[in-house]
Amino acid sequence: MFFKNNNQKDTKNADLACWITFTFWGGILFLNSFFEKILKKTFIDSSFTILAFGLVIFFTSYIVSNLIRQQKQ
């Protein structure tokens, strides 16, 4: 009942938003490691901040991609 397949939902927007989010997280973690290794300080101190930015980017990119797809149709 809760996990019923829904063949009508469009997963392309969610996939795109996931890729954008993971790319952002990878970039931020790379910058943090670079800053810690070379400059001896962190770029972003809080893991919660990185998580929150990632979630904001995910939902923003999901909404924007939905709007773009709706305008194309």
Protein backbone atom coordinates (compact mmCIF):
# COMPACT_ATOMS: atom_id res chain seq x y z
CA MET A 1 0.00 0.00 0.00
CA PHE A 2 2.71 2.50 0.93
CA PHE A 3 5.17 1.26 -1.68
CA LYS A 4 2.78 1.00 -4.59
CA ASN A 5 4.44 1.60 -7.96
CA ASN A 6 3.46 4.84 -9.63
CA ASN A 7 4.23 4.69 -13.35
CA GLN A 8 3.04 8.24 -14.01
CA LYS A 9 5.63 10.13 -11.98
CA ASP A 10 8.56 11.70 -13.77
CA THR A 11 11.87 10.68 -12.20
CA LYS A 12 14.11 12.63 -14.61
CA ASN A 13 13.77 15.81 -12.55
CA ALA A 14 14.63 14.01 -9.32
CA ASP A 15 17.63 12.32 -10.96
CA LEU A 16 18.91 15.66 -12.23
CA ALA A 17 18.45 17.24 -8.81
CA CYS A 18 20.35 14.35 -7.17
CA TRP A 19 23.29 14.74 -9.56
CA ILE A 20 23.45 18.47 -8.98
CA THR A 21 23.33 17.97 -5.20
CA PHE A 22 26.01 15.27 -5.12
CA THR A 23 28.23 17.37 -7.38
CA PHE A 24 27.82 20.28 -4.97
CA TRP A 25 28.60 18.09 -1.96
CA GLY A 26 31.63 16.61 -3.69
CA GLY A 27 32.91 20.06 -4.59
CA ILE A 28 32.44 21.38 -1.08
CA LEU A 29 34.17 18.37 0.48
CA PHE A 30 37.03 18.75 -1.99
CA LEU A 31 37.35 22.45 -1.12
CA ASN A 32 37.28 21.61 2.59
CA SER A 33 40.05 19.04 2.19
CA PHE A 34 42.12 21.48 0.11
CA PHE A 35 41.69 24.27 2.64
CA GLU A 36 42.54 21.97 5.56
CA LYS A 37 45.61 20.55 3.86
CA ILE A 38 47.06 23.73 2.36
CA LEU A 39 45.71 26.62 4.45
CA LYS A 40 45.21 24.76 7.75
CA LYS A 41 41.62 25.98 8.15
CA THR A 42 38.25 24.78 6.90
CA PHE A 43 36.15 26.35 4.18
CA ILE A 44 32.86 25.47 5.94
CA ASP A 45 33.15 24.34 9.55
CA SER A 46 29.77 22.79 10.12
CA SER A 47 28.62 19.54 8.54
CA PHE A 48 25.05 20.64 9.21
CA THR A 49 25.61 23.74 7.07
CA ILE A 50 26.88 21.60 4.20
CA LEU A 51 23.85 19.33 4.55
CA ALA A 52 21.42 22.25 4.68
CA PHE A 53 22.96 23.90 1.59
CA GLY A 54 22.74 20.58 -0.24
CA LEU A 55 19.08 20.16 0.61
CA VAL A 56 18.30 23.71 -0.48
CA ILE A 57 20.12 23.08 -3.77
CA PHE A 58 18.27 19.79 -4.26
CA PHE A 59 14.80 21.24 -3.81
CA THR A 60 15.63 24.38 -5.78
CA SER A 61 16.99 22.44 -8.75
CA TYR A 62 14.04 20.02 -8.60
CA ILE A 63 11.52 22.87 -8.70
CA VAL A 64 13.38 24.71 -11.46
CA SER A 65 13.67 21.58 -13.61
CA ASN A 66 9.94 20.92 -13.12
CA LEU A 67 9.12 24.45 -14.24
CA ILE A 68 11.37 24.17 -17.30
CA ARG A 69 9.81 20.84 -18.32
CA GLN A 70 6.30 22.21 -17.89
CA GLN A 71 7.11 25.20 -20.10
CA LYS A 72 8.48 22.91 -22.81
CA GLN A 73 5.25 20.93 -22.91
